Amino acid sequence: MQSVANIKSISYLKSHAAHISEDLQQNGSPFVITQNGEASMVIQSVQQFQEKEALIAALKIIALSEKDRLEYKGLTVEESRAQLRAALERRK
């Protein structure tokens, strides 16, 4: 897990929002914002957010696939190859 070096107070966020935005674009390192001395939120770039969302979606697909595999749902290798061959023949 990536360590967070950018820990700032909410008052810093209020007065330096533009600087934080620029820093996110240049360095990509997220900011932990504190309120009353405790971590309150994390600010990250849109790119980081989108990458994280894509990763979560991929992990969900893998988890669902593994669940189906354990329940013997899906196709055997032979069935899958037969479907691929049939699809290739339809394209010809």
PDB file of N, CA and C in Angstrom:
ATOM      1  N   MET A   1       0.838  -1.178   0.000  1.00  0.00           N
ATOM      2  CA  MET A   1       0.000   0.000   0.000  1.00  0.00           C
ATOM      3  C   MET A   1       0.882   1.240   0.000  1.00  0.00           C
ATOM      4  N   GLN A   2       0.454   2.223  -0.751  1.00  0.00           N
ATOM      5  CA  GLN A   2       1.203   3.470  -0.880  1.00  0.00           C
ATOM      6  C   GLN A   2       1.096   4.264   0.419  1.00  0.00           C
ATOM      7  N   SER A   3       2.257   4.737   0.923  1.00  0.00           N
ATOM      8  CA  SER A   3       2.215   5.559   2.121  1.00  0.00           C
ATOM      9  C   SER A   3       1.788   6.970   1.750  1.00  0.00           C
ATOM     10  N   VAL A   4       1.122   7.619   2.674  1.00  0.00           N
ATOM     11  CA  VAL A   4       0.619   8.963   2.413  1.00  0.00           C
ATOM     12  C   VAL A   4       1.489   9.957   3.155  1.00  0.00           C
ATOM     13  N   ALA A   5       2.197  10.776   2.393  1.00  0.00           N
ATOM     14  CA  ALA A   5       3.067  11.782   2.998  1.00  0.00           C
ATOM     15  C   ALA A   5       2.368  13.128   3.094  1.00  0.00           C
ATOM     16  N   ASN A   6       1.302  13.304   2.332  1.00  0.00           N
ATOM     17  CA  ASN A   6       0.599  14.580   2.277  1.00  0.00           C
ATOM     18  C   ASN A   6      -0.570  14.589   3.259  1.00  0.00           C
ATOM     19  N   ILE A   7      -0.298  14.949   4.478  1.00  0.00           N
ATOM     20  CA  ILE A   7      -1.345  15.066   5.492  1.00  0.00           C
ATOM     21  C   ILE A   7      -1.515  16.545   5.789  1.00  0.00           C
ATOM     22  N   LYS A   8      -2.701  17.054   5.501  1.00  0.00           N
ATOM     23  CA  LYS A   8      -2.968  18.486   5.660  1.00  0.00           C
ATOM     24  C   LYS A   8      -4.277  18.686   6.415  1.00  0.00           C
ATOM     25  N   SER A   9      -4.386  19.838   7.059  1.00  0.00           N
ATOM     26  CA  SER A   9      -5.619  20.167   7.789  1.00  0.00           C
ATOM     27  C   SER A   9      -6.673  20.686   6.816  1.00  0.00           C
ATOM     28  N   ILE A  10      -7.901  20.684   7.249  1.00  0.00           N
ATOM     29  CA  ILE A  10      -8.984  21.176   6.412  1.00  0.00           C
ATOM     30  C   ILE A  10      -8.834  22.671   6.137  1.00  0.00           C
ATOM     31  N   SER A  11      -8.260  23.403   7.091  1.00  0.00           N
ATOM     32  CA  SER A  11      -8.027  24.830   6.855  1.00  0.00           C
ATOM     33  C   SER A  11      -6.983  25.025   5.757  1.00  0.00           C
ATOM     34  N   TYR A  12      -5.982  24.137   5.691  1.00  0.00           N
ATOM     35  CA  TYR A  12      -5.000  24.196   4.608  1.00  0.00           C
ATOM     36  C   TYR A  12      -5.691  23.941   3.272  1.00  0.00           C
ATOM     37  N   LEU A  13      -6.583  22.964   3.246  1.00  0.00           N
ATOM     38  CA  LEU A  13      -7.331  22.662   2.024  1.00  0.00           C
ATOM     39  C   LEU A  13      -8.111  23.885   1.555  1.00  0.00           C
ATOM     40  N   LYS A  14      -8.778  24.545   2.494  1.00  0.00           N
ATOM     41  CA  LYS A  14      -9.592  25.709   2.139  1.00  0.00           C
ATOM     42  C   LYS A  14      -8.745  26.821   1.528  1.00  0.00           C
ATOM     43  N   SER A  15      -7.560  27.043   2.046  1.00  0.00           N
ATOM     44  CA  SER A  15      -6.752  28.161   1.571  1.00  0.00           C
ATOM     45  C   SER A  15      -5.771  27.794   0.463  1.00  0.00           C
ATOM     46  N   HIS A  16      -5.562  26.500   0.208  1.00  0.00           N
ATOM     47  CA  HIS A  16      -4.584  26.086  -0.798  1.00  0.00           C
ATOM     48  C   HIS A  16      -5.161  25.060  -1.784  1.00  0.00           C
ATOM     49  N   ALA A  17      -6.424  25.146  -2.079  1.00  0.00           N
ATOM     50  CA  ALA A  17      -7.068  24.161  -2.963  1.00  0.00           C
ATOM     51  C   ALA A  17      -6.390  24.096  -4.334  1.00  0.00           C
ATOM     52  N   ALA A  18      -6.061  25.253  -4.892  1.00  0.00           N
ATOM     53  CA  ALA A  18      -5.419  25.274  -6.216  1.00  0.00           C
ATOM     54  C   ALA A  18      -4.054  24.578  -6.167  1.00  0.00           C
ATOM     55  N   HIS A  19      -3.297  24.821  -5.105  1.00  0.00           N
ATOM     56  CA  HIS A  19      -1.984  24.186  -4.959  1.00  0.00           C
ATOM     57  C   HIS A  19      -2.139  22.665  -4.835  1.00  0.00           C
ATOM     58  N   ILE A  20      -3.112  22.223  -4.074  1.00  0.00           N
ATOM     59  CA  ILE A  20      -3.349  20.781  -3.918  1.00  0.00           C
ATOM     60  C   ILE A  20      -3.705  20.168  -5.259  1.00  0.00           C
ATOM     61  N   SER A  21      -4.548  20.844  -6.024  1.00  0.00           N
ATOM     62  CA  SER A  21      -4.933  20.344  -7.342  1.00  0.00           C
ATOM     63  C   SER A  21      -3.713  20.214  -8.254  1.00  0.00           C
ATOM     64  N   GLU A  22      -2.861  21.207  -8.264  1.00  0.00           N
ATOM     65  CA  GLU A  22      -1.650  21.160  -9.084  1.00  0.00           C
ATOM     66  C   GLU A  22      -0.728  20.027  -8.634  1.00  0.00           C
ATOM     67  N   ASP A  23      -0.579  19.874  -7.339  1.00  0.00           N
ATOM     68  CA  ASP A  23       0.289  18.830  -6.796  1.00  0.00           C
ATOM     69  C   ASP A  23      -0.236  17.442  -7.165  1.00  0.00           C
ATOM     70  N   LEU A  24      -1.554  17.271  -7.132  1.00  0.00           N
ATOM     71  CA  LEU A  24      -2.140  15.989  -7.524  1.00  0.00           C
ATOM     72  C   LEU A  24      -1.833  15.675  -8.983  1.00  0.00           C
ATOM     73  N   GLN A  25      -1.910  16.685  -9.834  1.00  0.00           N
ATOM     74  CA  GLN A  25      -1.637  16.473 -11.251  1.00  0.00           C
ATOM     75  C   GLN A  25      -0.168  16.141 -11.499  1.00  0.00           C
ATOM     76  N   GLN A  26       0.728  16.778 -10.756  1.00  0.00           N
ATOM     77  CA  GLN A  26       2.165  16.575 -10.967  1.00  0.00           C
ATOM     78  C   GLN A  26       2.672  15.300 -10.318  1.00  0.00           C
ATOM     79  N   ASN A  27       2.316  15.079  -9.074  1.00  0.00           N
ATOM     80  CA  ASN A  27       2.883  13.971  -8.299  1.00  0.00           C
ATOM     81  C   ASN A  27       1.963  12.767  -8.182  1.00  0.00           C
ATOM     82  N   GLY A  28       0.669  13.002  -8.221  1.00  0.00           N
ATOM     83  CA  GLY A  28      -0.284  11.913  -8.112  1.00  0.00           C
ATOM     84  C   GLY A  28      -0.455  11.355  -6.716  1.00  0.00           C
ATOM     85  N   SER A  29       0.256  11.898  -5.764  1.00  0.00           N
ATOM     86  CA  SER A  29       0.174  11.398  -4.395  1.00  0.00           C
ATOM     87  C   SER A  29      -1.068  11.971  -3.704  1.00  0.00           C
ATOM     88  N   PRO A  30      -1.936  11.129  -3.172  1.00  0.00           N
ATOM     89  CA  PRO A  30      -3.166  11.637  -2.559  1.00  0.00           C
ATOM     90  C   PRO A  30      -2.896  12.431  -1.279  1.00  0.00           C
ATOM     91  N   PHE A  31      -3.851  13.234  -0.900  1.00  0.00           N
ATOM     92  CA  PHE A  31      -3.776  14.020   0.325  1.00  0.00           C
ATOM     93  C   PHE A  31      -4.767  13.465   1.341  1.00  0.00           C
ATOM     94  N   VAL A  32      -4.323  13.337   2.573  1.00  0.00           N
ATOM     95  CA  VAL A  32      -5.220  13.014   3.683  1.00  0.00           C
ATOM     96  C   VAL A  32      -5.534  14.336   4.363  1.00  0.00           C
ATOM     97  N   ILE A  33      -6.810  14.638   4.473  1.00  0.00           N
ATOM     98  CA  ILE A  33      -7.246  15.886   5.088  1.00  0.00           C
ATOM     99  C   ILE A  33      -7.746  15.569   6.493  1.00  0.00           C
ATOM    100  N   THR A  34      -7.256  16.350   7.448  1.00  0.00           N
ATOM    101  CA  THR A  34      -7.651  16.133   8.837  1.00  0.00           C
ATOM    102  C   THR A  34      -8.619  17.218   9.292  1.00  0.00           C
ATOM    103  N   GLN A  35      -9.459  16.837  10.222  1.00  0.00           N
ATOM    104  CA  GLN A  35     -10.370  17.780  10.860  1.00  0.00           C
ATOM    105  C   GLN A  35     -10.317  17.490  12.355  1.00  0.00           C
ATOM    106  N   ASN A  36     -10.018  18.511  13.114  1.00  0.00           N
ATOM    107  CA  ASN A  36      -9.844  18.364  14.566  1.00  0.00           C
ATOM    108  C   ASN A  36      -8.790  17.309  14.906  1.00  0.00           C
ATOM    109  N   GLY A  37      -7.733  17.247  14.085  1.00  0.00           N
ATOM    110  CA  GLY A  37      -6.620  16.350  14.351  1.00  0.00           C
ATOM    111  C   GLY A  37      -6.819  14.913  13.921  1.00  0.00           C
ATOM    112  N   GLU A  38      -7.968  14.582  13.339  1.00  0.00           N
ATOM    113  CA  GLU A  38      -8.230  13.211  12.903  1.00  0.00           C
ATOM    114  C   GLU A  38      -8.462  13.174  11.396  1.00  0.00           C
ATOM    115  N   ALA A  39      -8.039  12.089  10.776  1.00  0.00           N
ATOM    116  CA  ALA A  39      -8.241  11.934   9.338  1.00  0.00           C
ATOM    117  C   ALA A  39      -9.726  12.004   9.019  1.00  0.00           C
ATOM    118  N   SER A  40     -10.053  12.825   8.034  1.00  0.00           N
ATOM    119  CA  SER A  40     -11.450  13.049   7.695  1.00  0.00           C
ATOM    120  C   SER A  40     -11.773  12.638   6.264  1.00  0.00           C
ATOM    121  N   MET A  41     -10.841  12.862   5.339  1.00  0.00           N
ATOM    122  CA  MET A  41     -11.085  12.536   3.937  1.00  0.00           C
ATOM    123  C   MET A  41      -9.767  12.365   3.198  1.00  0.00           C
ATOM    124  N   VAL A  42      -9.874  11.775   2.020  1.00  0.00           N
ATOM    125  CA  VAL A  42      -8.725  11.615   1.139  1.00  0.00           C
ATOM    126  C   VAL A  42      -9.063  12.293  -0.176  1.00  0.00           C
ATOM    127  N   ILE A  43      -8.125  13.075  -0.670  1.00  0.00           N
ATOM    128  CA  ILE A  43      -8.304  13.731  -1.961  1.00  0.00           C
ATOM    129  C   ILE A  43      -7.302  13.110  -2.921  1.00  0.00           C
ATOM    130  N   GLN A  44      -7.812  12.654  -4.061  1.00  0.00           N
ATOM    131  CA  GLN A  44      -6.954  12.046  -5.069  1.00  0.00           C
ATOM    132  C   GLN A  44      -7.335  12.597  -6.432  1.00  0.00           C
ATOM    133  N   SER A  45      -6.469  12.394  -7.399  1.00  0.00           N
ATOM    134  CA  SER A  45      -6.734  12.888  -8.749  1.00  0.00           C
ATOM    135  C   SER A  45      -7.845  12.068  -9.398  1.00  0.00           C
ATOM    136  N   VAL A  46      -8.451  12.635 -10.418  1.00  0.00           N
ATOM    137  CA  VAL A  46      -9.500  11.933 -11.155  1.00  0.00           C
ATOM    138  C   VAL A  46      -8.929  10.670 -11.790  1.00  0.00           C
ATOM    139  N   GLN A  47      -7.714  10.769 -12.311  1.00  0.00           N
ATOM    140  CA  GLN A  47      -7.081   9.602 -12.923  1.00  0.00           C
ATOM    141  C   GLN A  47      -6.913   8.471 -11.915  1.00  0.00           C
ATOM    142  N   GLN A  48      -6.436   8.800 -10.715  1.00  0.00           N
ATOM    143  CA  GLN A  48      -6.288   7.778  -9.673  1.00  0.00           C
ATOM    144  C   GLN A  48      -7.639   7.168  -9.333  1.00  0.00           C
ATOM    145  N   PHE A  49      -8.655   8.006  -9.218  1.00  0.00           N
ATOM    146  CA  PHE A  49      -9.990   7.523  -8.898  1.00  0.00           C
ATOM    147  C   PHE A  49     -10.489   6.558  -9.966  1.00  0.00           C
ATOM    148  N   GLN A  50     -10.342   6.927 -11.239  1.00  0.00           N
ATOM    149  CA  GLN A  50     -10.804   6.082 -12.332  1.00  0.00           C
ATOM    150  C   GLN A  50     -10.040   4.764 -12.381  1.00  0.00           C
ATOM    151  N   GLU A  51      -8.737   4.810 -12.154  1.00  0.00           N
ATOM    152  CA  GLU A  51      -7.943   3.581 -12.142  1.00  0.00           C
ATOM    153  C   GLU A  51      -8.386   2.662 -11.004  1.00  0.00           C
ATOM    154  N   LYS A  52      -8.643   3.250  -9.847  1.00  0.00           N
ATOM    155  CA  LYS A  52      -9.081   2.452  -8.705  1.00  0.00           C
ATOM    156  C   LYS A  52     -10.452   1.831  -8.964  1.00  0.00           C
ATOM    157  N   GLU A  53     -11.361   2.594  -9.567  1.00  0.00           N
ATOM    158  CA  GLU A  53     -12.689   2.072  -9.892  1.00  0.00           C
ATOM    159  C   GLU A  53     -12.597   0.932 -10.907  1.00  0.00           C
ATOM    160  N   ALA A  54     -11.724   1.080 -11.912  1.00  0.00           N
ATOM    161  CA  ALA A  54     -11.540   0.018 -12.901  1.00  0.00           C
ATOM    162  C   ALA A  54     -10.973  -1.245 -12.249  1.00  0.00           C
ATOM    163  N   LEU A  55     -10.054  -1.075 -11.333  1.00  0.00           N
ATOM    164  CA  LEU A  55      -9.480  -2.208 -10.615  1.00  0.00           C
ATOM    165  C   LEU A  55     -10.537  -2.920  -9.776  1.00  0.00           C
ATOM    166  N   ILE A  56     -11.365  -2.155  -9.088  1.00  0.00           N
ATOM    167  CA  ILE A  56     -12.436  -2.742  -8.281  1.00  0.00           C
ATOM    168  C   ILE A  56     -13.399  -3.526  -9.165  1.00  0.00           C
ATOM    169  N   ALA A  57     -13.756  -2.967 -10.328  1.00  0.00           N
ATOM    170  CA  ALA A  57     -14.657  -3.661 -11.253  1.00  0.00           C
ATOM    171  C   ALA A  57     -14.038  -4.974 -11.728  1.00  0.00           C
ATOM    172  N   ALA A  58     -12.744  -4.947 -12.065  1.00  0.00           N
ATOM    173  CA  ALA A  58     -12.065  -6.163 -12.516  1.00  0.00           C
ATOM    174  C   ALA A  58     -12.026  -7.214 -11.407  1.00  0.00           C
ATOM    175  N   LEU A  59     -11.778  -6.780 -10.189  1.00  0.00           N
ATOM    176  CA  LEU A  59     -11.750  -7.726  -9.064  1.00  0.00           C
ATOM    177  C   LEU A  59     -13.123  -8.332  -8.809  1.00  0.00           C
ATOM    178  N   LYS A  60     -14.176  -7.546  -8.999  1.00  0.00           N
ATOM    179  CA  LYS A  60     -15.535  -8.083  -8.846  1.00  0.00           C
ATOM    180  C   LYS A  60     -15.810  -9.158  -9.888  1.00  0.00           C
ATOM    181  N   ILE A  61     -15.385  -8.904 -11.131  1.00  0.00           N
ATOM    182  CA  ILE A  61     -15.578  -9.897 -12.199  1.00  0.00           C
ATOM    183  C   ILE A  61     -14.819 -11.172 -11.873  1.00  0.00           C
ATOM    184  N   ILE A  62     -13.592 -11.031 -11.394  1.00  0.00           N
ATOM    185  CA  ILE A  62     -12.800 -12.206 -11.022  1.00  0.00           C
ATOM    186  C   ILE A  62     -13.466 -12.979  -9.891  1.00  0.00           C
ATOM    187  N   ALA A  63     -13.966 -12.253  -8.882  1.00  0.00           N
ATOM    188  CA  ALA A  63     -14.625 -12.917  -7.756  1.00  0.00           C
ATOM    189  C   ALA A  63     -15.881 -13.657  -8.204  1.00  0.00           C
ATOM    190  N   LEU A  64     -16.676 -13.037  -9.080  1.00  0.00           N
ATOM    191  CA  LEU A  64     -17.878 -13.699  -9.587  1.00  0.00           C
ATOM    192  C   LEU A  64     -17.517 -14.917 -10.436  1.00  0.00           C
ATOM    193  N   SER A  65     -16.470 -14.802 -11.219  1.00  0.00           N
ATOM    194  CA  SER A  65     -16.023 -15.928 -12.036  1.00  0.00           C
ATOM    195  C   SER A  65     -15.549 -17.085 -11.170  1.00  0.00           C
ATOM    196  N   GLU A  66     -14.820 -16.752 -10.123  1.00  0.00           N
ATOM    197  CA  GLU A  66     -14.340 -17.805  -9.213  1.00  0.00           C
ATOM    198  C   GLU A  66     -15.515 -18.480  -8.509  1.00  0.00           C
ATOM    199  N   LYS A  67     -16.506 -17.703  -8.133  1.00  0.00           N
ATOM    200  CA  LYS A  67     -17.708 -18.278  -7.494  1.00  0.00           C
ATOM    201  C   LYS A  67     -18.390 -19.243  -8.458  1.00  0.00           C
ATOM    202  N   ASP A  68     -18.557 -18.821  -9.718  1.00  0.00           N
ATOM    203  CA  ASP A  68     -19.163 -19.697 -10.722  1.00  0.00           C
ATOM    204  C   ASP A  68     -18.330 -20.951 -10.932  1.00  0.00           C
ATOM    205  N   ARG A  69     -17.017 -20.801 -10.958  1.00  0.00           N
ATOM    206  CA  ARG A  69     -16.143 -21.957 -11.157  1.00  0.00           C
ATOM    207  C   ARG A  69     -16.313 -22.964 -10.031  1.00  0.00           C
ATOM    208  N   LEU A  70     -16.369 -22.468  -8.805  1.00  0.00           N
ATOM    209  CA  LEU A  70     -16.511 -23.361  -7.655  1.00  0.00           C
ATOM    210  C   LEU A  70     -17.884 -24.046  -7.622  1.00  0.00           C
ATOM    211  N   GLU A  71     -18.868 -23.415  -8.257  1.00  0.00           N
ATOM    212  CA  GLU A  71     -20.220 -23.999  -8.321  1.00  0.00           C
ATOM    213  C   GLU A  71     -20.418 -24.803  -9.615  1.00  0.00           C
ATOM    214  N   TYR A  72     -19.332 -25.027 -10.333  1.00  0.00           N
ATOM    215  CA  TYR A  72     -19.345 -25.783 -11.595  1.00  0.00           C
ATOM    216  C   TYR A  72     -20.292 -25.182 -12.627  1.00  0.00           C
ATOM    217  N   LYS A  73     -20.409 -23.871 -12.619  1.00  0.00           N
ATOM    218  CA  LYS A  73     -21.176 -23.179 -13.648  1.00  0.00           C
ATOM    219  C   LYS A  73     -20.196 -22.778 -14.739  1.00  0.00           C
ATOM    220  N   GLY A  74     -20.688 -22.644 -15.933  1.00  0.00           N
ATOM    221  CA  GLY A  74     -19.807 -22.230 -17.018  1.00  0.00           C
ATOM    222  C   GLY A  74     -19.547 -23.361 -17.982  1.00  0.00           C
ATOM    223  N   LEU A  75     -18.534 -23.178 -18.783  1.00  0.00           N
ATOM    224  CA  LEU A  75     -18.220 -24.118 -19.855  1.00  0.00           C
ATOM    225  C   LEU A  75     -16.930 -24.877 -19.560  1.00  0.00           C
ATOM    226  N   THR A  76     -16.879 -26.081 -20.087  1.00  0.00           N
ATOM    227  CA  THR A  76     -15.619 -26.812 -20.044  1.00  0.00           C
ATOM    228  C   THR A  76     -14.719 -26.227 -21.129  1.00  0.00           C
ATOM    229  N   VAL A  77     -13.468 -26.611 -21.107  1.00  0.00           N
ATOM    230  CA  VAL A  77     -12.527 -26.146 -22.128  1.00  0.00           C
ATOM    231  C   VAL A  77     -13.009 -26.588 -23.504  1.00  0.00           C
ATOM    232  N   GLU A  78     -13.467 -27.826 -23.603  1.00  0.00           N
ATOM    233  CA  GLU A  78     -13.930 -28.359 -24.885  1.00  0.00           C
ATOM    234  C   GLU A  78     -15.137 -27.574 -25.397  1.00  0.00           C
ATOM    235  N   GLU A  79     -16.089 -27.283 -24.506  1.00  0.00           N
ATOM    236  CA  GLU A  79     -17.272 -26.520 -24.912  1.00  0.00           C
ATOM    237  C   GLU A  79     -16.891 -25.116 -25.370  1.00  0.00           C
ATOM    238  N   SER A  80     -15.988 -24.510 -24.658  1.00  0.00           N
ATOM    239  CA  SER A  80     -15.540 -23.166 -25.010  1.00  0.00           C
ATOM    240  C   SER A  80     -14.852 -23.161 -26.372  1.00  0.00           C
ATOM    241  N   ARG A  81     -13.986 -24.135 -26.614  1.00  0.00           N
ATOM    242  CA  ARG A  81     -13.301 -24.225 -27.908  1.00  0.00           C
ATOM    243  C   ARG A  81     -14.289 -24.469 -29.037  1.00  0.00           C
ATOM    244  N   ALA A  82     -15.302 -25.288 -28.778  1.00  0.00           N
ATOM    245  CA  ALA A  82     -16.324 -25.558 -29.798  1.00  0.00           C
ATOM    246  C   ALA A  82     -17.091 -24.283 -30.134  1.00  0.00           C
ATOM    247  N   GLN A  83     -17.408 -23.486 -29.123  1.00  0.00           N
ATOM    248  CA  GLN A  83     -18.103 -22.221 -29.367  1.00  0.00           C
ATOM    249  C   GLN A  83     -17.222 -21.269 -30.180  1.00  0.00           C
ATOM    250  N   LEU A  84     -15.933 -21.220 -29.856  1.00  0.00           N
ATOM    251  CA  LEU A  84     -15.019 -20.356 -30.608  1.00  0.00           C
ATOM    252  C   LEU A  84     -14.910 -20.805 -32.068  1.00  0.00           C
ATOM    253  N   ARG A  85     -14.806 -22.124 -32.280  1.00  0.00           N
ATOM    254  CA  ARG A  85     -14.744 -22.642 -33.647  1.00  0.00           C
ATOM    255  C   ARG A  85     -16.004 -22.291 -34.423  1.00  0.00           C
ATOM    256  N   ALA A  86     -17.156 -22.446 -33.780  1.00  0.00           N
ATOM    257  CA  ALA A  86     -18.427 -22.134 -34.439  1.00  0.00           C
ATOM    258  C   ALA A  86     -18.506 -20.643 -34.781  1.00  0.00           C
ATOM    259  N   ALA A  87     -18.046 -19.800 -33.885  1.00  0.00           N
ATOM    260  CA  ALA A  87     -18.060 -18.355 -34.150  1.00  0.00           C
ATOM    261  C   ALA A  87     -17.139 -18.018 -35.314  1.00  0.00           C
ATOM    262  N   LEU A  88     -15.977 -18.658 -35.380  1.00  0.00           N
ATOM    263  CA  LEU A  88     -15.053 -18.432 -36.495  1.00  0.00           C
ATOM    264  C   LEU A  88     -15.652 -18.894 -37.816  1.00  0.00           C
ATOM    265  N   GLU A  89     -16.351 -20.013 -37.801  1.00  0.00           N
ATOM    266  CA  GLU A  89     -16.975 -20.535 -39.019  1.00  0.00           C
ATOM    267  C   GLU A  89     -18.077 -19.583 -39.497  1.00  0.00           C
ATOM    268  N   ARG A  90     -18.828 -19.003 -38.594  1.00  0.00           N
ATOM    269  CA  ARG A  90     -19.897 -18.056 -38.980  1.00  0.00           C
ATOM    270  C   ARG A  90     -19.305 -16.809 -39.619  1.00  0.00           C
ATOM    271  N   ARG A  91     -18.114 -16.420 -39.231  1.00  0.00           N
ATOM    272  CA  ARG A  91     -17.477 -15.228 -39.787  1.00  0.00           C
ATOM    273  C   ARG A  91     -16.976 -15.445 -41.214  1.00  0.00           C
ATOM    274  N   LYS A  92     -16.718 -16.679 -41.564  1.00  0.00           N
ATOM    275  CA  LYS A  92     -16.162 -16.987 -42.900  1.00  0.00           C
ATOM    276  C   LYS A  92     -17.203 -16.870 -43.971  1.00  0.00           C
TER     277      LYS A  92
END
